[in-house]
Amino acid sequence: MRRLLRAQERGCVNPPSKAEIVTREDSRLATAEQRLRALGINLPAPPEPFGTYAEAVQTGNLLFLSGMLPTESRGAKFVGRVGAELDVETGRKAAYLATLNVLAVARQHLGSLDKVTRVVRLGVSVATSGDVRDQPKIADAASQLLQDVFGKDKNPCRLVYGVASLPLGTPVELEVIFEIAA
């Protein structure tokens, strides 16, 4: 855990290994914000929209997030397609960073991730070339981080697409729907 904390402080976006993930014994941590702290994750500043749209829209008890990319500041941290310029592990790192951006936007909109009662849906688009079939492995990096933060009992249904290209040339784009407390 200390190694993970040091890596996060240095700004590393590598997904934690299974040994570094909060264990089932730590599930006593009741809230998403407590789990984030236990994981040593400091969320980045929420990304700004890259066009004319809202990054988060709440209707009733649902919060819809627009496509979240693996960006830092105003630029893409990862560029390329899995199977061409990037390998699966780099795709996983991109999915992890995009998930951090999801969490940052949700927190900005809600004030606290503790208001999330369920992750309803996770849509993952993966830019690939050729005969790539590992899109689920890449999507697992996003699914695992959401599970680590919100708990296994709040796992979403998931849809994974392989696509030809994504905005800014990124390898991954996430779409998330959260159920939130009234």
N, C-alpha and C. Protein backbone atom coordinates (compact mmCIF):
# COMPACT_ATOMS: atom_id res chain seq x y z
N MET A 1 0.84 -1.19 0.00
CA MET A 1 0.00 0.00 0.00
C MET A 1 0.87 1.25 0.00
N ARG A 2 1.98 1.20 0.75
CA ARG A 2 2.86 2.37 0.77
C ARG A 2 3.43 2.66 -0.62
N ARG A 3 3.79 1.58 -1.35
CA ARG A 3 4.32 1.76 -2.70
C ARG A 3 3.28 2.43 -3.60
N LEU A 4 2.03 2.02 -3.47
CA LEU A 4 0.95 2.61 -4.25
C LEU A 4 0.79 4.08 -3.89
N LEU A 5 0.85 4.41 -2.61
CA LEU A 5 0.71 5.81 -2.19
C LEU A 5 1.83 6.65 -2.78
N ARG A 6 3.05 6.14 -2.73
CA ARG A 6 4.18 6.90 -3.29
C ARG A 6 4.01 7.06 -4.80
N ALA A 7 3.57 6.03 -5.48
CA ALA A 7 3.37 6.12 -6.93
C ALA A 7 2.29 7.14 -7.26
N GLN A 8 1.21 7.14 -6.48
CA GLN A 8 0.14 8.09 -6.74
C GLN A 8 0.61 9.51 -6.49
N GLU A 9 1.41 9.72 -5.46
CA GLU A 9 1.91 11.06 -5.17
C GLU A 9 2.80 11.57 -6.29
N ARG A 10 3.51 10.65 -6.96
CA ARG A 10 4.36 11.05 -8.09
C ARG A 10 3.55 11.27 -9.35
N GLY A 11 2.24 11.02 -9.28
CA GLY A 11 1.39 11.25 -10.44
C GLY A 11 1.32 10.07 -11.39
N CYS A 12 1.76 8.90 -10.97
CA CYS A 12 1.69 7.73 -11.83
C CYS A 12 0.24 7.34 -12.05
N VAL A 13 -0.08 6.92 -13.24
CA VAL A 13 -1.46 6.53 -13.53
C VAL A 13 -1.56 5.03 -13.79
N ASN A 14 -0.53 4.28 -13.40
CA ASN A 14 -0.58 2.84 -13.59
C ASN A 14 -1.63 2.24 -12.68
N PRO A 15 -2.48 1.37 -13.25
CA PRO A 15 -3.45 0.71 -12.38
C PRO A 15 -2.71 -0.11 -11.32
N PRO A 16 -3.21 -0.16 -10.09
CA PRO A 16 -2.55 -0.93 -9.06
C PRO A 16 -2.63 -2.41 -9.38
N SER A 17 -1.63 -3.18 -8.94
CA SER A 17 -1.68 -4.62 -9.12
C SER A 17 -2.71 -5.18 -8.15
N LYS A 18 -3.09 -6.44 -8.39
CA LYS A 18 -4.09 -7.05 -7.52
C LYS A 18 -3.65 -7.05 -6.06
N ALA A 19 -2.36 -7.18 -5.82
CA ALA A 19 -1.87 -7.20 -4.44
C ALA A 19 -2.00 -5.84 -3.78
N GLU A 20 -2.07 -4.79 -4.59
CA GLU A 20 -2.12 -3.44 -4.03
C GLU A 20 -3.54 -2.91 -3.88
N ILE A 21 -4.50 -3.61 -4.41
CA ILE A 21 -5.88 -3.14 -4.36
C ILE A 21 -6.44 -3.34 -2.96
N VAL A 22 -7.32 -2.46 -2.55
CA VAL A 22 -7.96 -2.60 -1.25
C VAL A 22 -8.61 -3.97 -1.18
N THR A 23 -8.28 -4.69 -0.14
CA THR A 23 -8.76 -6.06 -0.03
C THR A 23 -10.16 -6.12 0.54
N ARG A 24 -10.72 -7.29 0.45
CA ARG A 24 -12.06 -7.52 0.97
C ARG A 24 -12.13 -7.16 2.46
N GLU A 25 -11.04 -7.37 3.18
CA GLU A 25 -11.02 -7.01 4.60
C GLU A 25 -11.22 -5.51 4.80
N ASP A 26 -10.80 -4.73 3.81
CA ASP A 26 -10.96 -3.28 3.90
C ASP A 26 -12.35 -2.82 3.48
N SER A 27 -13.23 -3.77 3.15
CA SER A 27 -14.57 -3.39 2.72
C SER A 27 -15.37 -2.76 3.86
N ARG A 28 -14.82 -2.81 5.06
CA ARG A 28 -15.49 -2.15 6.18
C ARG A 28 -15.50 -0.63 6.00
N LEU A 29 -14.64 -0.15 5.08
CA LEU A 29 -14.66 1.27 4.77
C LEU A 29 -16.00 1.55 4.10
N ALA A 30 -16.80 2.35 4.74
CA ALA A 30 -18.19 2.50 4.35
C ALA A 30 -18.41 3.40 3.14
N THR A 31 -17.53 4.32 2.89
CA THR A 31 -17.84 5.31 1.86
C THR A 31 -16.82 5.30 0.73
N ALA A 32 -17.26 5.80 -0.40
CA ALA A 32 -16.37 5.92 -1.56
C ALA A 32 -15.20 6.85 -1.26
N GLU A 33 -15.46 7.94 -0.57
CA GLU A 33 -14.38 8.89 -0.25
C GLU A 33 -13.34 8.23 0.67
N GLN A 34 -13.77 7.41 1.63
CA GLN A 34 -12.83 6.69 2.49
C GLN A 34 -12.02 5.69 1.68
N ARG A 35 -12.65 5.01 0.76
CA ARG A 35 -11.94 4.04 -0.07
C ARG A 35 -10.90 4.72 -0.95
N LEU A 36 -11.26 5.88 -1.51
CA LEU A 36 -10.29 6.64 -2.30
C LEU A 36 -9.05 6.95 -1.47
N ARG A 37 -9.27 7.42 -0.26
CA ARG A 37 -8.14 7.74 0.63
C ARG A 37 -7.33 6.49 0.94
N ALA A 38 -8.00 5.37 1.22
CA ALA A 38 -7.30 4.12 1.54
C ALA A 38 -6.47 3.64 0.35
N LEU A 39 -6.95 3.89 -0.86
CA LEU A 39 -6.22 3.50 -2.06
C LEU A 39 -5.08 4.48 -2.38
N GLY A 40 -5.08 5.62 -1.69
CA GLY A 40 -4.04 6.61 -1.94
C GLY A 40 -4.27 7.38 -3.23
N ILE A 41 -5.51 7.48 -3.66
CA ILE A 41 -5.82 8.14 -4.92
C ILE A 41 -6.22 9.59 -4.68
N ASN A 42 -5.50 10.49 -5.31
CA ASN A 42 -5.85 11.91 -5.36
C ASN A 42 -6.39 12.16 -6.75
N LEU A 43 -7.65 12.52 -6.84
CA LEU A 43 -8.26 12.72 -8.14
C LEU A 43 -7.69 13.95 -8.83
N PRO A 44 -7.57 13.87 -10.15
CA PRO A 44 -7.09 15.04 -10.89
C PRO A 44 -8.17 16.11 -10.95
N ALA A 45 -7.80 17.28 -11.43
CA ALA A 45 -8.80 18.31 -11.69
C ALA A 45 -9.74 17.79 -12.77
N PRO A 46 -11.03 18.02 -12.63
CA PRO A 46 -11.97 17.53 -13.65
C PRO A 46 -11.63 18.12 -15.02
N PRO A 47 -11.68 17.30 -16.06
CA PRO A 47 -11.38 17.83 -17.39
C PRO A 47 -12.47 18.79 -17.85
N GLU A 48 -12.07 19.73 -18.67
CA GLU A 48 -13.00 20.68 -19.28
C GLU A 48 -13.57 20.04 -20.54
N PRO A 49 -14.81 20.36 -20.91
CA PRO A 49 -15.37 19.82 -22.15
C PRO A 49 -14.53 20.24 -23.36
N PHE A 50 -14.44 19.35 -24.34
CA PHE A 50 -13.71 19.62 -25.57
C PHE A 50 -14.64 20.10 -26.68
N GLY A 51 -15.87 20.43 -26.33
CA GLY A 51 -16.84 20.89 -27.31
C GLY A 51 -18.02 21.52 -26.61
N THR A 52 -19.12 21.62 -27.32
CA THR A 52 -20.33 22.24 -26.79
C THR A 52 -21.24 21.16 -26.24
N TYR A 53 -21.02 20.81 -24.99
CA TYR A 53 -21.82 19.78 -24.31
C TYR A 53 -21.56 19.89 -22.81
N ALA A 54 -22.41 19.24 -22.04
CA ALA A 54 -22.22 19.17 -20.59
C ALA A 54 -21.55 17.83 -20.27
N GLU A 55 -20.56 17.86 -19.40
CA GLU A 55 -19.89 16.62 -19.04
C GLU A 55 -20.73 15.76 -18.10
N ALA A 56 -21.63 16.39 -17.35
CA ALA A 56 -22.50 15.66 -16.43
C ALA A 56 -23.89 16.25 -16.50
N VAL A 57 -24.88 15.37 -16.59
CA VAL A 57 -26.27 15.79 -16.58
C VAL A 57 -27.01 14.91 -15.59
N GLN A 58 -27.68 15.57 -14.65
CA GLN A 58 -28.47 14.85 -13.66
C GLN A 58 -29.94 14.98 -14.00
N THR A 59 -30.63 13.86 -13.99
CA THR A 59 -32.07 13.86 -14.13
C THR A 59 -32.62 12.88 -13.10
N GLY A 60 -33.45 13.39 -12.22
CA GLY A 60 -33.94 12.55 -11.13
C GLY A 60 -32.77 12.06 -10.30
N ASN A 61 -32.72 10.76 -10.07
CA ASN A 61 -31.63 10.20 -9.26
C ASN A 61 -30.55 9.54 -10.14
N LEU A 62 -30.45 9.96 -11.40
CA LEU A 62 -29.41 9.45 -12.29
C LEU A 62 -28.48 10.57 -12.72
N LEU A 63 -27.18 10.25 -12.73
CA LEU A 63 -26.17 11.17 -13.21
C LEU A 63 -25.51 10.53 -14.43
N PHE A 64 -25.64 11.18 -15.58
CA PHE A 64 -25.06 10.70 -16.83
C PHE A 64 -23.78 11.47 -17.09
N LEU A 65 -22.70 10.75 -17.38
CA LEU A 65 -21.44 11.41 -17.72
C LEU A 65 -21.15 11.21 -19.20
N SER A 66 -20.79 12.29 -19.85
CA SER A 66 -20.39 12.24 -21.27
C SER A 66 -19.13 11.41 -21.40
N GLY A 67 -18.76 11.13 -22.62
CA GLY A 67 -17.56 10.34 -22.87
C GLY A 67 -16.34 10.92 -22.20
N MET A 68 -15.75 10.15 -21.31
CA MET A 68 -14.55 10.58 -20.59
C MET A 68 -13.33 9.94 -21.24
N LEU A 69 -12.35 10.78 -21.48
CA LEU A 69 -11.12 10.37 -22.16
C LEU A 69 -9.95 10.32 -21.19
N PRO A 70 -8.87 9.64 -21.58
CA PRO A 70 -7.65 9.64 -20.76
C PRO A 70 -6.84 10.91 -21.03
N THR A 71 -7.30 12.01 -20.44
CA THR A 71 -6.65 13.30 -20.66
C THR A 71 -6.05 13.84 -19.38
N GLU A 72 -5.08 14.69 -19.54
CA GLU A 72 -4.51 15.49 -18.47
C GLU A 72 -4.46 16.92 -18.99
N SER A 73 -4.85 17.86 -18.16
CA SER A 73 -4.96 19.26 -18.59
C SER A 73 -5.88 19.32 -19.79
N ARG A 74 -5.43 19.86 -20.89
CA ARG A 74 -6.27 19.98 -22.09
C ARG A 74 -5.80 19.05 -23.21
N GLY A 75 -5.05 18.02 -22.86
CA GLY A 75 -4.52 17.15 -23.91
C GLY A 75 -4.64 15.68 -23.58
N ALA A 76 -4.53 14.88 -24.61
CA ALA A 76 -4.58 13.43 -24.47
C ALA A 76 -3.27 12.92 -23.90
N LYS A 77 -3.34 12.12 -22.85
CA LYS A 77 -2.16 11.50 -22.25
C LYS A 77 -1.72 10.29 -23.08
N PHE A 78 -2.68 9.60 -23.68
CA PHE A 78 -2.43 8.42 -24.50
C PHE A 78 -3.04 8.66 -25.88
N VAL A 79 -2.29 8.36 -26.93
CA VAL A 79 -2.78 8.52 -28.30
C VAL A 79 -2.41 7.26 -29.07
N GLY A 80 -3.38 6.75 -29.80
CA GLY A 80 -3.12 5.58 -30.63
C GLY A 80 -4.20 4.54 -30.48
N ARG A 81 -4.06 3.47 -31.26
CA ARG A 81 -5.02 2.37 -31.24
C ARG A 81 -4.36 1.12 -30.69
N VAL A 82 -5.11 0.39 -29.90
CA VAL A 82 -4.62 -0.88 -29.37
C VAL A 82 -4.49 -1.85 -30.54
N GLY A 83 -3.34 -2.49 -30.62
CA GLY A 83 -3.08 -3.41 -31.71
C GLY A 83 -2.27 -2.78 -32.82
N ALA A 84 -2.15 -1.47 -32.79
CA ALA A 84 -1.33 -0.75 -33.78
C ALA A 84 -0.20 -0.07 -33.03
N GLU A 85 -0.46 1.13 -32.53
CA GLU A 85 0.57 1.89 -31.82
C GLU A 85 0.69 1.53 -30.35
N LEU A 86 -0.35 0.93 -29.77
CA LEU A 86 -0.38 0.66 -28.33
C LEU A 86 -0.65 -0.81 -28.05
N ASP A 87 -0.14 -1.27 -26.90
CA ASP A 87 -0.44 -2.64 -26.47
C ASP A 87 -1.58 -2.63 -25.45
N VAL A 88 -2.01 -3.80 -25.05
CA VAL A 88 -3.14 -3.94 -24.13
C VAL A 88 -2.84 -3.26 -22.79
N GLU A 89 -1.64 -3.41 -22.27
CA GLU A 89 -1.30 -2.81 -20.98
C GLU A 89 -1.41 -1.29 -21.03
N THR A 90 -0.99 -0.69 -22.13
CA THR A 90 -1.11 0.76 -22.28
C THR A 90 -2.59 1.14 -22.39
N GLY A 91 -3.38 0.32 -23.06
CA GLY A 91 -4.82 0.54 -23.11
C GLY A 91 -5.45 0.51 -21.73
N ARG A 92 -4.99 -0.39 -20.88
CA ARG A 92 -5.48 -0.48 -19.50
C ARG A 92 -5.11 0.79 -18.72
N LYS A 93 -3.91 1.28 -18.90
CA LYS A 93 -3.50 2.52 -18.23
C LYS A 93 -4.37 3.68 -18.68
N ALA A 94 -4.70 3.71 -19.97
CA ALA A 94 -5.57 4.76 -20.49
C ALA A 94 -6.97 4.66 -19.88
N ALA A 95 -7.48 3.43 -19.76
CA ALA A 95 -8.81 3.23 -19.15
C ALA A 95 -8.81 3.66 -17.69
N TYR A 96 -7.73 3.37 -16.99
CA TYR A 96 -7.60 3.77 -15.58
C TYR A 96 -7.63 5.30 -15.45
N LEU A 97 -6.87 5.99 -16.29
CA LEU A 97 -6.85 7.45 -16.24
C LEU A 97 -8.22 8.03 -16.60
N ALA A 98 -8.87 7.46 -17.61
CA ALA A 98 -10.21 7.93 -17.96
C ALA A 98 -11.17 7.74 -16.79
N THR A 99 -11.00 6.67 -16.04
CA THR A 99 -11.86 6.42 -14.87
C THR A 99 -11.58 7.44 -13.77
N LEU A 100 -10.33 7.82 -13.58
CA LEU A 100 -10.02 8.88 -12.63
C LEU A 100 -10.75 10.17 -13.03
N ASN A 101 -10.80 10.45 -14.33
CA ASN A 101 -11.51 11.63 -14.81
C ASN A 101 -13.02 11.50 -14.57
N VAL A 102 -13.55 10.31 -14.73
CA VAL A 102 -14.96 10.05 -14.42
C VAL A 102 -15.24 10.41 -12.96
N LEU A 103 -14.41 9.91 -12.07
CA LEU A 103 -14.59 10.15 -10.64
C LEU A 103 -14.46 11.64 -10.31
N ALA A 104 -13.52 12.31 -10.96
CA ALA A 104 -13.32 13.75 -10.71
C ALA A 104 -14.53 14.56 -11.15
N VAL A 105 -15.10 14.24 -12.31
CA VAL A 105 -16.27 14.98 -12.79
C VAL A 105 -17.48 14.68 -11.91
N ALA A 106 -17.66 13.41 -11.53
CA ALA A 106 -18.78 13.05 -10.66
C ALA A 106 -18.67 13.78 -9.32
N ARG A 107 -17.48 13.80 -8.74
CA ARG A 107 -17.29 14.50 -7.47
C ARG A 107 -17.57 15.99 -7.61
N GLN A 108 -17.09 16.59 -8.69
CA GLN A 108 -17.34 18.01 -8.91
C GLN A 108 -18.84 18.29 -9.00
N HIS A 109 -19.57 17.45 -9.68
CA HIS A 109 -21.01 17.66 -9.86
C HIS A 109 -21.78 17.39 -8.57
N LEU A 110 -21.39 16.33 -7.85
CA LEU A 110 -22.15 15.91 -6.67
C LEU A 110 -21.65 16.53 -5.36
N GLY A 111 -20.41 16.97 -5.34
CA GLY A 111 -19.82 17.47 -4.10
C GLY A 111 -19.10 16.37 -3.34
N SER A 112 -19.53 15.14 -3.49
CA SER A 112 -18.91 13.99 -2.82
C SER A 112 -19.31 12.72 -3.56
N LEU A 113 -18.37 11.81 -3.71
CA LEU A 113 -18.68 10.52 -4.33
C LEU A 113 -19.53 9.65 -3.41
N ASP A 114 -19.66 10.04 -2.17
CA ASP A 114 -20.49 9.29 -1.23
C ASP A 114 -21.97 9.36 -1.60
N LYS A 115 -22.33 10.27 -2.48
CA LYS A 115 -23.73 10.37 -2.92
C LYS A 115 -24.09 9.31 -3.96
N VAL A 116 -23.09 8.62 -4.49
CA VAL A 116 -23.35 7.56 -5.47
C VAL A 116 -23.87 6.34 -4.73
N THR A 117 -25.05 5.88 -5.13
CA THR A 117 -25.62 4.68 -4.51
C THR A 117 -25.41 3.45 -5.37
N ARG A 118 -25.10 3.65 -6.64
CA ARG A 118 -24.88 2.53 -7.57
C ARG A 118 -24.21 3.04 -8.83
N VAL A 119 -23.32 2.23 -9.39
CA VAL A 119 -22.82 2.46 -10.74
C VAL A 119 -23.73 1.62 -11.62
N VAL A 120 -24.56 2.29 -12.41
CA VAL A 120 -25.59 1.59 -13.18
C VAL A 120 -25.02 0.98 -14.45
N ARG A 121 -24.28 1.79 -15.20
CA ARG A 121 -23.78 1.31 -16.50
C ARG A 121 -22.41 1.89 -16.77
N LEU A 122 -21.56 1.06 -17.34
CA LEU A 122 -20.24 1.47 -17.81
C LEU A 122 -20.14 1.08 -19.27
N GLY A 123 -20.00 2.08 -20.13
CA GLY A 123 -19.76 1.84 -21.54
C GLY A 123 -18.31 2.16 -21.84
N VAL A 124 -17.61 1.23 -22.50
CA VAL A 124 -16.20 1.41 -22.79
C VAL A 124 -15.98 1.23 -24.29
N SER A 125 -15.51 2.28 -24.94
CA SER A 125 -15.12 2.22 -26.34
C SER A 125 -13.61 2.14 -26.40
N VAL A 126 -13.11 1.19 -27.17
CA VAL A 126 -11.66 0.99 -27.29
C VAL A 126 -11.29 1.09 -28.77
N ALA A 127 -10.42 2.03 -29.10
CA ALA A 127 -9.94 2.18 -30.47
C ALA A 127 -8.93 1.08 -30.75
N THR A 128 -9.22 0.26 -31.75
CA THR A 128 -8.36 -0.88 -32.07
C THR A 128 -8.12 -0.92 -33.57
N SER A 129 -7.16 -1.73 -33.93
CA SER A 129 -6.92 -1.99 -35.35
C SER A 129 -6.82 -3.49 -35.53
N GLY A 130 -7.12 -3.91 -36.71
CA GLY A 130 -6.94 -5.31 -37.04
C GLY A 130 -7.82 -6.26 -36.26
N ASP A 131 -7.22 -7.32 -35.82
CA ASP A 131 -7.95 -8.44 -35.21
C ASP A 131 -7.86 -8.43 -33.69
N VAL A 132 -7.90 -7.27 -33.06
CA VAL A 132 -7.80 -7.16 -31.61
C VAL A 132 -9.09 -7.67 -30.97
N ARG A 133 -8.93 -8.51 -29.96
CA ARG A 133 -10.09 -9.07 -29.26
C ARG A 133 -9.99 -8.87 -27.75
N ASP A 134 -9.07 -8.02 -27.32
CA ASP A 134 -8.81 -7.85 -25.90
C ASP A 134 -9.51 -6.64 -25.30
N GLN A 135 -10.54 -6.12 -25.93
CA GLN A 135 -11.25 -4.96 -25.39
C GLN A 135 -11.73 -5.21 -23.97
N PRO A 136 -12.25 -6.40 -23.62
CA PRO A 136 -12.69 -6.61 -22.23
C PRO A 136 -11.56 -6.48 -21.21
N LYS A 137 -10.34 -6.88 -21.56
CA LYS A 137 -9.21 -6.74 -20.63
C LYS A 137 -8.92 -5.27 -20.36
N ILE A 138 -9.06 -4.45 -21.38
CA ILE A 138 -8.84 -3.02 -21.21
C ILE A 138 -9.95 -2.42 -20.36
N ALA A 139 -11.19 -2.81 -20.64
CA ALA A 139 -12.34 -2.31 -19.87
C ALA A 139 -12.26 -2.73 -18.41
N ASP A 140 -11.63 -3.88 -18.14
CA ASP A 140 -11.50 -4.34 -16.75
C ASP A 140 -10.75 -3.36 -15.87
N ALA A 141 -9.82 -2.59 -16.43
CA ALA A 141 -9.10 -1.59 -15.63
C ALA A 141 -10.06 -0.54 -15.09
N ALA A 142 -11.03 -0.14 -15.91
CA ALA A 142 -12.05 0.83 -15.46
C ALA A 142 -12.99 0.17 -14.47
N SER A 143 -13.45 -1.03 -14.78
CA SER A 143 -14.37 -1.75 -13.89
C SER A 143 -13.76 -1.98 -12.52
N GLN A 144 -12.48 -2.36 -12.51
CA GLN A 144 -11.82 -2.65 -11.23
C GLN A 144 -11.70 -1.42 -10.36
N LEU A 145 -11.33 -0.28 -10.97
CA LEU A 145 -11.21 0.94 -10.18
C LEU A 145 -12.57 1.36 -9.63
N LEU A 146 -13.62 1.29 -10.43
CA LEU A 146 -14.96 1.62 -9.93
C LEU A 146 -15.36 0.69 -8.79
N GLN A 147 -15.05 -0.60 -8.93
CA GLN A 147 -15.35 -1.55 -7.86
C GLN A 147 -14.56 -1.25 -6.61
N ASP A 148 -13.30 -0.89 -6.76
CA ASP A 148 -12.47 -0.57 -5.60
C ASP A 148 -13.00 0.65 -4.84
N VAL A 149 -13.54 1.61 -5.58
CA VAL A 149 -14.03 2.84 -4.96
C VAL A 149 -15.44 2.68 -4.40
N PHE A 150 -16.32 2.01 -5.13
CA PHE A 150 -17.73 1.95 -4.71
C PHE A 150 -18.13 0.61 -4.09
N GLY A 151 -17.34 -0.42 -4.25
CA GLY A 151 -17.65 -1.74 -3.70
C GLY A 151 -18.22 -2.68 -4.75
N LYS A 152 -17.97 -3.95 -4.54
CA LYS A 152 -18.40 -4.98 -5.49
C LYS A 152 -19.91 -5.01 -5.65
N ASP A 153 -20.63 -4.70 -4.59
CA ASP A 153 -22.09 -4.74 -4.64
C ASP A 153 -22.68 -3.64 -5.51
N LYS A 154 -21.85 -2.70 -5.99
CA LYS A 154 -22.34 -1.62 -6.84
C LYS A 154 -21.80 -1.72 -8.27
N ASN A 155 -21.29 -2.91 -8.63
CA ASN A 155 -20.78 -3.11 -9.99
C ASN A 155 -21.86 -2.83 -11.02
N PRO A 156 -21.48 -2.19 -12.13
CA PRO A 156 -22.46 -1.85 -13.17
C PRO A 156 -22.62 -2.98 -14.19
N CYS A 157 -23.66 -2.86 -15.00
CA CYS A 157 -23.67 -3.64 -16.23
C CYS A 157 -22.68 -2.94 -17.15
N ARG A 158 -22.19 -3.66 -18.15
CA ARG A 158 -21.11 -3.08 -18.95
C ARG A 158 -21.28 -3.43 -20.42
N LEU A 159 -20.90 -2.49 -21.24
CA LEU A 159 -20.91 -2.67 -22.68
C LEU A 159 -19.55 -2.23 -23.19
N VAL A 160 -18.88 -3.09 -23.97
CA VAL A 160 -17.55 -2.79 -24.48
C VAL A 160 -17.59 -2.84 -26.00
N TYR A 161 -17.08 -1.78 -26.63
CA TYR A 161 -17.04 -1.68 -28.09
C TYR A 161 -15.60 -1.59 -28.56
N GLY A 162 -15.32 -2.18 -29.70
CA GLY A 162 -14.09 -1.91 -30.43
C GLY A 162 -14.46 -0.94 -31.55
N VAL A 163 -13.75 0.17 -31.66
CA VAL A 163 -14.05 1.19 -32.66
C VAL A 163 -12.79 1.55 -33.44
N ALA A 164 -12.98 2.22 -34.57
CA ALA A 164 -11.86 2.59 -35.44
C ALA A 164 -11.07 3.77 -34.89
N SER A 165 -11.76 4.75 -34.30
CA SER A 165 -11.06 5.91 -33.75
C SER A 165 -11.93 6.59 -32.70
N LEU A 166 -11.28 7.40 -31.87
CA LEU A 166 -11.96 8.13 -30.80
C LEU A 166 -11.47 9.57 -30.78
N PRO A 167 -12.19 10.46 -30.10
CA PRO A 167 -11.77 11.87 -30.03
C PRO A 167 -10.33 12.03 -29.54
N LEU A 168 -9.65 12.99 -30.11
CA LEU A 168 -8.26 13.35 -29.79
C LEU A 168 -7.27 12.22 -30.09
N GLY A 169 -7.74 11.17 -30.74
CA GLY A 169 -6.87 10.03 -31.04
C GLY A 169 -6.63 9.12 -29.86
N THR A 170 -7.43 9.27 -28.79
CA THR A 170 -7.24 8.45 -27.59
C THR A 170 -7.66 7.00 -27.84
N PRO A 171 -7.12 6.07 -27.06
CA PRO A 171 -7.48 4.66 -27.23
C PRO A 171 -8.74 4.24 -26.49
N VAL A 172 -9.21 5.07 -25.56
CA VAL A 172 -10.35 4.67 -24.72
C VAL A 172 -11.27 5.86 -24.47
N GLU A 173 -12.57 5.58 -24.43
CA GLU A 173 -13.57 6.56 -24.01
C GLU A 173 -14.60 5.83 -23.15
N LEU A 174 -14.93 6.44 -22.00
CA LEU A 174 -15.88 5.83 -21.07
C LEU A 174 -17.16 6.64 -21.00
N GLU A 175 -18.26 5.95 -20.89
CA GLU A 175 -19.56 6.57 -20.63
C GLU A 175 -20.10 5.89 -19.38
N VAL A 176 -20.53 6.69 -18.40
CA VAL A 176 -20.94 6.13 -17.11
C VAL A 176 -22.28 6.72 -16.69
N ILE A 177 -23.11 5.87 -16.11
CA ILE A 177 -24.36 6.32 -15.50
C ILE A 177 -24.31 5.91 -14.04
N PHE A 178 -24.49 6.89 -13.15
CA PHE A 178 -24.53 6.65 -11.72
C PHE A 178 -25.95 6.85 -11.20
N GLU A 179 -26.35 6.03 -10.23
CA GLU A 179 -27.55 6.31 -9.44
C GLU A 179 -27.07 7.06 -8.21
N ILE A 180 -27.80 8.12 -7.85
CA ILE A 180 -27.35 8.93 -6.74
C ILE A 180 -28.46 9.09 -5.71
N ALA A 181 -28.06 9.36 -4.49
CA ALA A 181 -29.02 9.57 -3.41
C ALA A 181 -29.76 10.87 -3.65
N ALA A 182 -31.03 10.87 -3.28
CA ALA A 182 -31.87 12.07 -3.49
C ALA A 182 -31.49 13.18 -2.55
